[in-house]
Amino acid sequence: MNIHKATGWGALPLVISLLSISPGMQCGQPTGKKPGKPDRTGQTTQTAPPSNPAPQPYGTTNADLPFFGFNTKGAMDPGEQIQYANAYLDKITSPEIKQRLVIRVTGGTISQTTYGKDWTPEVIRQWTDLQKRQGVRFIYVVNGNDAPAEQAAAIQRWMDAGARFDFLEMMNEYYLPKFVSGDRSHAEVTRQVTPEDYVNSILPAYWKELDRFHLPYYLIFAPSRPGRDGAQQKMDEWNTVVSGAIRNKYPDKDLNATIHLYARGSLAGFDYGQIDRLRQSLPPGRHIAVTEAGILDNALSYEQAGNLAVEHYRNIMAHLGKGDYLLDQVLYNMNKRGNIAALNPHTGGETPKGRVMLQFIQGGLR
């Protein structure tokens, strides 16, 4: 995602989440049965979904908190990035916390320009080795510019190498004007996308190839645009179409919601209530994954950005519950100027923001 975009940074990838890992996170073989609700391990079960869980009061027990982690540019300089990531994650020594880490390994905007063929066996091996060493979870963002069969083959190659995925995120930020207008000056845009295109043609074409993995799907929802009536109307229209499809067109599919929540500078006036409204628009028992979140303010230092991000995340978590996800933007970046990465080669690995996030994680997200 372009850094200058209004609310969605989406180009980076890692996610650390906080939920106990149980065996059997690998997807099974097709059974012909409709997928049910995902359990806390990311597996699909055939039980009926319970009533929509109310957000847990912040600061109860770790088991009541959402998964927490980092969005990551998995294809960016994987050798050095993974070396830094292992050193960083090695500092998290609590088994309970370590078992709750998740990585959005394919990233956001970059996921739409990284094709199945770009994930070489060596890069896949390096990331799966990290997953095995650290015991973290992965999220795969499907590339809507790649053929469905190619994406299925890529996912299968990851799994054959030992990767385990909590869920499949169905593309990235299609609600943005560049997708609505089909602006091909952006590498990630290859076609015009309306919400109707998304739910009526794009998703079914990919599900035909991806249903065999029996993983939960997370669909794109748009963040609010307070004070921007025209933009807000378009975001509302997108969300109405997608939530309606989840409830009425595909009631038996395991469909959940993903949303990106970026704040610019001050948190005053940030619309945290949009999380509750999103939950209310979903069928009972569905989950929300905030797969990108952070602070967009270049005037802040690394440490200032980290401290404000922690405050932002505490506010977000007051509206999330067990089984939901919250991911920081971002694990790794290579730019000389910036304040969002936890790891950067220009700081020799861990950045001042990375230290703030590490303390937040080690403190149980408190």
Protein backbone atom coordinates (compact mmCIF):
# COMPACT_ATOMS: atom_id res chain seq x y z
CA MET A 1 0.00 0.00 0.00
CA ASN A 2 1.19 3.47 -0.74
CA ILE A 3 2.35 5.28 2.40
CA HIS A 4 0.57 8.41 1.26
CA LYS A 5 -2.80 6.69 1.09
CA ALA A 6 -5.49 7.80 3.46
CA THR A 7 -5.97 4.88 5.76
CA GLY A 8 -4.40 1.71 4.55
CA TRP A 9 -0.71 1.07 4.63
CA GLY A 10 -1.02 -2.48 3.47
CA ALA A 11 2.38 -3.28 2.07
CA LEU A 12 4.08 -5.02 4.90
CA PRO A 13 3.48 -8.34 6.50
CA LEU A 14 3.88 -10.00 9.94
CA VAL A 15 1.36 -10.80 12.59
CA ILE A 16 1.96 -11.90 16.13
CA SER A 17 -1.11 -13.21 17.77
CA LEU A 18 -1.99 -14.37 21.18
CA LEU A 19 -3.81 -17.65 21.34
CA SER A 20 -2.76 -21.12 22.35
CA ILE A 21 -1.59 -23.37 19.56
CA SER A 22 -3.20 -26.75 19.48
CA PRO A 23 -2.28 -29.65 17.28
CA GLY A 24 -3.94 -30.08 13.96
CA MET A 25 -3.59 -26.61 12.52
CA GLN A 26 -2.90 -28.17 9.14
CA CYS A 27 -5.85 -28.21 6.82
CA GLY A 28 -7.45 -31.52 6.05
CA GLN A 29 -8.52 -33.09 2.81
CA PRO A 30 -11.84 -32.30 1.18
CA THR A 31 -14.79 -34.01 2.81
CA GLY A 32 -17.63 -32.57 0.77
CA LYS A 33 -19.06 -30.96 3.89
CA LYS A 34 -19.70 -27.26 4.19
CA PRO A 35 -17.12 -25.55 6.38
CA GLY A 36 -18.18 -24.64 9.86
CA LYS A 37 -16.93 -22.10 12.37
CA PRO A 38 -13.16 -21.85 13.03
CA ASP A 39 -12.05 -22.76 16.50
CA ARG A 40 -9.33 -20.90 18.39
CA THR A 41 -6.59 -22.78 16.56
CA GLY A 42 -7.81 -21.62 13.17
CA GLN A 43 -9.20 -25.07 12.38
CA THR A 44 -12.61 -25.50 10.83
CA THR A 45 -15.14 -27.37 12.91
CA GLN A 46 -18.59 -28.62 11.96
CA THR A 47 -20.35 -27.30 15.04
CA ALA A 48 -22.95 -24.56 14.83
CA PRO A 49 -21.54 -21.12 15.64
CA PRO A 50 -22.38 -19.72 19.08
CA SER A 51 -23.90 -16.32 19.62
CA ASN A 52 -21.80 -13.32 18.64
CA PRO A 53 -19.29 -12.87 21.47
CA ALA A 54 -19.24 -9.49 23.15
CA PRO A 55 -15.80 -7.90 23.37
CA GLN A 56 -13.99 -8.95 26.52
CA PRO A 57 -13.09 -6.24 29.05
CA TYR A 58 -9.51 -5.25 28.36
CA GLY A 59 -7.01 -6.75 30.78
CA THR A 60 -8.83 -9.91 31.91
CA THR A 61 -6.78 -13.00 31.06
CA ASN A 62 -4.46 -13.65 28.15
CA ALA A 63 -6.85 -16.28 26.80
CA ASP A 64 -9.53 -13.59 26.44
CA LEU A 65 -7.35 -11.27 24.39
CA PRO A 66 -7.22 -11.20 20.59
CA PHE A 67 -4.31 -12.55 18.63
CA PHE A 68 -1.68 -9.86 18.29
CA GLY A 69 1.10 -9.56 15.77
CA PHE A 70 2.82 -7.90 12.87
CA ASN A 71 2.06 -7.38 9.23
CA THR A 72 5.19 -8.25 7.22
CA LYS A 73 6.65 -7.84 3.75
CA GLY A 74 7.58 -11.50 3.54
CA ALA A 75 9.13 -11.22 0.09
CA MET A 76 11.34 -8.26 1.06
CA ASP A 77 14.94 -9.23 1.69
CA PRO A 78 13.83 -12.51 3.32
CA GLY A 79 17.29 -13.65 4.40
CA GLU A 80 18.12 -10.59 6.50
CA GLN A 81 14.52 -10.03 7.57
CA ILE A 82 14.16 -13.56 8.91
CA GLN A 83 17.53 -13.35 10.69
CA TYR A 84 16.39 -10.19 12.48
CA ALA A 85 12.94 -11.64 13.13
CA ASN A 86 14.34 -14.76 14.78
CA ALA A 87 16.60 -12.68 17.04
CA TYR A 88 13.63 -10.47 17.93
CA LEU A 89 11.21 -13.32 18.61
CA ASP A 90 13.84 -15.23 20.60
CA LYS A 91 13.53 -12.49 23.23
CA ILE A 92 9.94 -13.55 23.89
CA THR A 93 10.60 -16.41 26.29
CA SER A 94 7.15 -16.95 27.83
CA PRO A 95 5.70 -20.15 26.32
CA GLU A 96 2.18 -18.79 26.76
CA ILE A 97 2.97 -15.61 24.84
CA LYS A 98 5.17 -17.35 22.25
CA GLN A 99 2.35 -19.75 21.43
CA ARG A 100 0.16 -16.77 20.57
CA LEU A 101 2.27 -15.19 17.85
CA VAL A 102 1.04 -14.82 14.25
CA ILE A 103 2.66 -13.55 11.05
CA ARG A 104 0.76 -12.16 8.07
CA VAL A 105 3.54 -13.57 5.98
CA THR A 106 2.48 -12.45 2.49
CA GLY A 107 1.75 -8.86 3.49
CA GLY A 108 -0.82 -6.32 2.32
CA THR A 109 -0.40 -4.38 -0.92
CA ILE A 110 2.74 -6.36 -1.67
CA SER A 111 0.66 -9.55 -1.57
CA GLN A 112 -1.13 -8.37 -4.72
CA THR A 113 2.12 -7.98 -6.66
CA THR A 114 3.81 -11.15 -5.38
CA TYR A 115 2.67 -14.09 -7.48
CA GLY A 116 2.78 -17.78 -6.75
CA LYS A 117 5.89 -18.20 -8.89
CA ASP A 118 7.65 -15.48 -6.85
CA TRP A 119 7.52 -17.60 -3.70
CA THR A 120 10.59 -19.69 -4.43
CA PRO A 121 11.25 -22.94 -2.56
CA GLU A 122 14.11 -21.24 -0.70
CA VAL A 123 12.01 -18.29 0.51
CA ILE A 124 9.20 -20.62 1.57
CA ARG A 125 11.71 -22.82 3.41
CA GLN A 126 13.19 -19.85 5.26
CA TRP A 127 9.79 -18.68 6.48
CA THR A 128 8.56 -22.13 7.41
CA ASP A 129 11.81 -22.73 9.31
CA LEU A 130 11.05 -19.56 11.29
CA GLN A 131 7.54 -20.81 11.99
CA LYS A 132 8.85 -24.14 13.25
CA ARG A 133 11.53 -22.50 15.39
CA GLN A 134 9.27 -19.86 16.91
CA GLY A 135 5.98 -21.74 16.96
CA VAL A 136 4.15 -18.77 15.43
CA ARG A 137 1.06 -18.79 13.24
CA PHE A 138 0.81 -17.61 9.64
CA ILE A 139 -1.87 -15.78 7.67
CA TYR A 140 -1.94 -16.00 3.86
CA VAL A 141 -3.33 -13.09 1.83
CA VAL A 142 -4.67 -14.34 -1.51
CA ASN A 143 -3.40 -12.47 -4.59
CA GLY A 144 -6.44 -11.49 -6.64
CA ASN A 145 -4.22 -10.71 -9.63
CA ASP A 146 -2.99 -14.30 -9.85
CA ALA A 147 -5.08 -17.11 -11.30
CA PRO A 148 -7.09 -19.01 -8.66
CA ALA A 149 -5.39 -22.29 -9.55
CA GLU A 150 -1.96 -20.65 -9.24
CA GLN A 151 -2.81 -19.32 -5.79
CA ALA A 152 -4.04 -22.74 -4.70
CA ALA A 153 -0.82 -24.30 -5.96
CA ALA A 154 1.25 -21.71 -4.08
CA ILE A 155 -0.63 -22.35 -0.83
CA GLN A 156 -0.14 -26.08 -1.32
CA ARG A 157 3.61 -25.59 -1.76
CA TRP A 158 3.75 -23.63 1.50
CA MET A 159 1.86 -26.39 3.27
CA ASP A 160 3.97 -29.12 1.73
CA ALA A 161 6.99 -27.31 3.21
CA GLY A 162 5.33 -27.45 6.64
CA ALA A 163 3.58 -24.07 6.84
CA ARG A 164 0.39 -23.77 8.90
CA PHE A 165 -2.15 -21.04 8.19
CA ASP A 166 -4.85 -19.76 10.53
CA PHE A 167 -6.95 -18.40 7.67
CA LEU A 168 -6.98 -17.09 4.12
CA GLU A 169 -7.46 -13.33 3.73
CA MET A 170 -9.30 -12.66 0.50
CA MET A 171 -7.24 -9.93 -1.20
CA ASN A 172 -6.37 -6.49 0.14
CA GLU A 173 -8.19 -3.12 0.32
CA TYR A 174 -10.37 -3.45 -2.78
CA TYR A 175 -12.54 -0.60 -1.47
CA LEU A 176 -9.87 1.99 -2.31
CA PRO A 177 -10.55 4.41 -5.21
CA LYS A 178 -7.68 2.97 -7.25
CA PHE A 179 -9.49 -0.38 -7.43
CA VAL A 180 -12.94 1.12 -7.91
CA SER A 181 -11.67 3.13 -10.90
CA GLY A 182 -9.34 0.39 -12.15
CA ASP A 183 -6.31 2.71 -12.07
CA ARG A 184 -3.60 0.55 -13.62
CA SER A 185 -0.87 3.05 -12.81
CA HIS A 186 -0.68 1.07 -9.56
CA ALA A 187 1.04 -2.30 -9.98
CA GLU A 188 -1.44 -3.95 -7.61
CA VAL A 189 -4.43 -2.92 -9.76
CA THR A 190 -5.16 -5.02 -12.84
CA ARG A 191 -8.92 -4.50 -13.10
CA GLN A 192 -11.82 -2.46 -11.86
CA VAL A 193 -13.41 -3.91 -8.73
CA THR A 194 -16.84 -3.05 -7.35
CA PRO A 195 -18.27 -4.64 -4.20
CA GLU A 196 -20.65 -6.59 -6.43
CA ASP A 197 -17.70 -7.88 -8.49
CA TYR A 198 -15.98 -8.93 -5.29
CA VAL A 199 -18.81 -10.97 -3.80
CA ASN A 200 -20.49 -12.26 -6.97
CA SER A 201 -17.61 -13.22 -9.25
CA ILE A 202 -14.14 -12.81 -7.72
CA LEU A 203 -14.69 -14.68 -4.47
CA PRO A 204 -16.57 -17.67 -5.96
CA ALA A 205 -13.86 -18.13 -8.60
CA TYR A 206 -11.18 -18.40 -5.91
CA TRP A 207 -13.26 -20.46 -3.51
CA LYS A 208 -13.66 -23.08 -6.22
CA GLU A 209 -9.91 -23.71 -5.92
CA LEU A 210 -9.37 -22.86 -2.23
CA ASP A 211 -12.25 -24.64 -0.49
CA ARG A 212 -10.19 -27.83 -0.47
CA PHE A 213 -7.98 -26.36 2.27
CA HIS A 214 -10.91 -26.05 4.70
CA LEU A 215 -9.57 -22.82 6.16
CA PRO A 216 -11.67 -19.86 7.33
CA TYR A 217 -11.97 -16.95 4.91
CA TYR A 218 -11.67 -13.31 5.95
CA LEU A 219 -13.33 -10.79 3.63
CA ILE A 220 -12.42 -7.14 3.11
CA PHE A 221 -14.31 -4.46 5.03
CA ALA A 222 -13.67 -0.73 4.68
CA PRO A 223 -12.75 1.58 7.58
CA SER A 224 -14.82 4.65 8.36
CA ARG A 225 -13.95 8.08 6.91
CA PRO A 226 -15.21 10.59 9.50
CA GLY A 227 -15.82 14.07 8.13
CA ARG A 228 -15.59 12.93 4.51
CA ASP A 229 -19.18 12.39 3.45
CA GLY A 230 -18.53 11.24 -0.10
CA ALA A 231 -15.83 8.79 0.93
CA GLN A 232 -17.90 7.59 3.89
CA GLN A 233 -20.84 6.82 1.62
CA LYS A 234 -18.65 4.68 -0.62
CA MET A 235 -17.20 2.83 2.37
CA ASP A 236 -20.70 2.21 3.73
CA GLU A 237 -21.86 0.91 0.36
CA TRP A 238 -18.92 -1.49 0.20
CA ASN A 239 -19.58 -2.81 3.70
CA THR A 240 -23.31 -3.17 3.11
CA VAL A 241 -22.76 -5.33 0.04
CA VAL A 242 -20.11 -7.54 1.68
CA SER A 243 -21.96 -8.04 4.97
CA GLY A 244 -25.16 -8.76 3.06
CA ALA A 245 -23.38 -11.43 1.03
CA ILE A 246 -22.01 -13.05 4.19
CA ARG A 247 -25.44 -13.14 5.81
CA ASN A 248 -27.66 -13.93 2.86
CA LYS A 249 -25.73 -15.19 -0.16
CA TYR A 250 -23.20 -17.44 1.58
CA PRO A 251 -24.71 -18.21 5.01
CA ASP A 252 -23.07 -21.64 5.22
CA LYS A 253 -19.53 -20.57 4.38
CA ASP A 254 -17.02 -19.77 7.10
CA LEU A 255 -16.70 -16.05 6.30
CA ASN A 256 -15.25 -13.49 8.70
CA ALA A 257 -14.14 -9.85 8.47
CA THR A 258 -10.83 -8.06 8.03
CA ILE A 259 -10.37 -4.30 8.44
CA HIS A 260 -7.42 -1.89 8.59
CA LEU A 261 -7.32 0.78 11.30
CA TYR A 262 -4.73 3.53 10.91
CA ALA A 263 -4.65 6.73 12.95
CA ARG A 264 -2.96 9.96 11.90
CA GLY A 265 -1.14 11.61 14.77
CA SER A 266 -3.64 12.21 17.55
CA LEU A 267 -6.10 9.50 18.55
CA ALA A 268 -8.70 12.11 19.48
CA GLY A 269 -11.88 11.46 17.57
CA PHE A 270 -10.79 8.09 16.16
CA ASP A 271 -13.87 6.01 15.39
CA TYR A 272 -13.31 2.89 17.50
CA GLY A 273 -17.06 2.26 17.46
CA GLN A 274 -16.76 1.10 13.86
CA ILE A 275 -15.46 -2.22 15.21
CA ASP A 276 -18.70 -2.76 17.13
CA ARG A 277 -20.80 -1.77 14.12
CA LEU A 278 -18.88 -4.22 11.97
CA ARG A 279 -19.46 -7.01 14.46
CA GLN A 280 -23.16 -6.26 14.58
CA SER A 281 -23.36 -6.54 10.79
CA LEU A 282 -21.99 -10.10 10.84
CA PRO A 283 -23.77 -13.36 11.63
CA PRO A 284 -23.27 -14.73 15.16
CA GLY A 285 -19.91 -16.27 15.95
CA ARG A 286 -17.85 -14.60 13.23
CA HIS A 287 -14.50 -12.98 13.99
CA ILE A 288 -12.81 -9.69 13.15
CA ALA A 289 -9.16 -9.46 12.09
CA VAL A 290 -7.55 -6.02 12.17
CA THR A 291 -4.76 -7.20 9.91
CA GLU A 292 -3.15 -3.76 9.64
CA ALA A 293 -3.08 -1.02 12.26
CA GLY A 294 -0.72 1.73 13.26
CA ILE A 295 0.13 5.42 13.38
CA LEU A 296 0.75 7.45 10.23
CA ASP A 297 2.73 10.50 11.31
CA ASN A 298 6.22 11.06 9.94
CA ALA A 299 6.84 13.85 12.46
CA LEU A 300 7.07 11.31 15.29
CA SER A 301 10.23 9.51 16.34
CA TYR A 302 10.34 5.72 16.33
CA GLU A 303 9.74 5.66 20.08
CA GLN A 304 6.92 8.20 19.96
CA ALA A 305 5.23 6.28 17.17
CA GLY A 306 5.56 3.07 19.16
CA ASN A 307 4.09 4.56 22.32
CA LEU A 308 1.15 6.06 20.44
CA ALA A 309 0.60 2.78 18.60
CA VAL A 310 0.39 0.93 21.93
CA GLU A 311 -2.25 3.39 23.12
CA HIS A 312 -4.12 2.90 19.84
CA TYR A 313 -3.97 -0.88 20.20
CA ARG A 314 -5.26 -0.79 23.77
CA ASN A 315 -8.23 1.21 22.53
CA ILE A 316 -8.83 -1.23 19.68
CA MET A 317 -8.61 -4.27 21.97
CA ALA A 318 -11.41 -2.88 24.12
CA HIS A 319 -13.63 -3.70 21.13
CA LEU A 320 -12.11 -7.08 20.22
CA GLY A 321 -12.53 -10.44 21.88
CA LYS A 322 -11.17 -13.94 22.03
CA GLY A 323 -10.48 -15.30 18.57
CA ASP A 324 -10.13 -11.88 16.94
CA TYR A 325 -6.83 -10.56 15.55
CA LEU A 326 -4.85 -7.32 15.78
CA LEU A 327 -1.68 -6.78 13.74
CA ASP A 328 0.88 -4.01 13.97
CA GLN A 329 2.26 -2.26 10.93
CA VAL A 330 5.00 -3.36 10.41
CA LEU A 331 7.65 -5.96 11.32
CA TYR A 332 10.40 -5.04 8.85
CA ASN A 333 11.23 -2.26 6.45
CA MET A 334 14.41 -1.09 4.72
CA ASN A 335 13.79 2.66 4.43
CA LYS A 336 16.29 5.04 6.03
CA ARG A 337 13.54 7.39 7.15
CA GLY A 338 10.42 6.12 8.82
CA ASN A 339 9.00 5.19 12.17
CA ILE A 340 6.70 2.22 11.72
CA ALA A 341 8.99 -0.81 11.53
CA ALA A 342 9.99 -2.99 14.47
CA LEU A 343 13.06 -4.11 12.53
CA ASN A 344 15.25 -2.22 10.08
CA PRO A 345 18.78 -2.88 8.78
CA HIS A 346 19.66 0.81 9.28
CA THR A 347 19.25 0.33 13.04
CA GLY A 348 21.04 -3.01 13.04
CA GLY A 349 17.77 -4.87 13.51
CA GLU A 350 15.50 -3.83 16.36
CA THR A 351 14.29 -0.23 16.17
CA PRO A 352 13.19 1.98 19.10
CA LYS A 353 9.61 1.24 18.05
CA GLY A 354 10.46 -2.44 18.04
CA ARG A 355 11.60 -2.17 21.66
CA VAL A 356 8.32 -0.53 22.63
CA MET A 357 6.31 -3.24 20.87
CA LEU A 358 8.44 -5.97 22.46
CA GLN A 359 7.71 -4.58 25.93
CA PHE A 360 4.02 -4.44 25.07
CA ILE A 361 4.03 -8.07 23.94
CA GLN A 362 6.11 -9.33 26.87
CA GLY A 363 3.75 -7.51 29.22
CA GLY A 364 0.80 -9.49 27.94
CA LEU A 365 -0.57 -6.61 25.81
CA ARG A 366 -1.11 -4.46 28.87
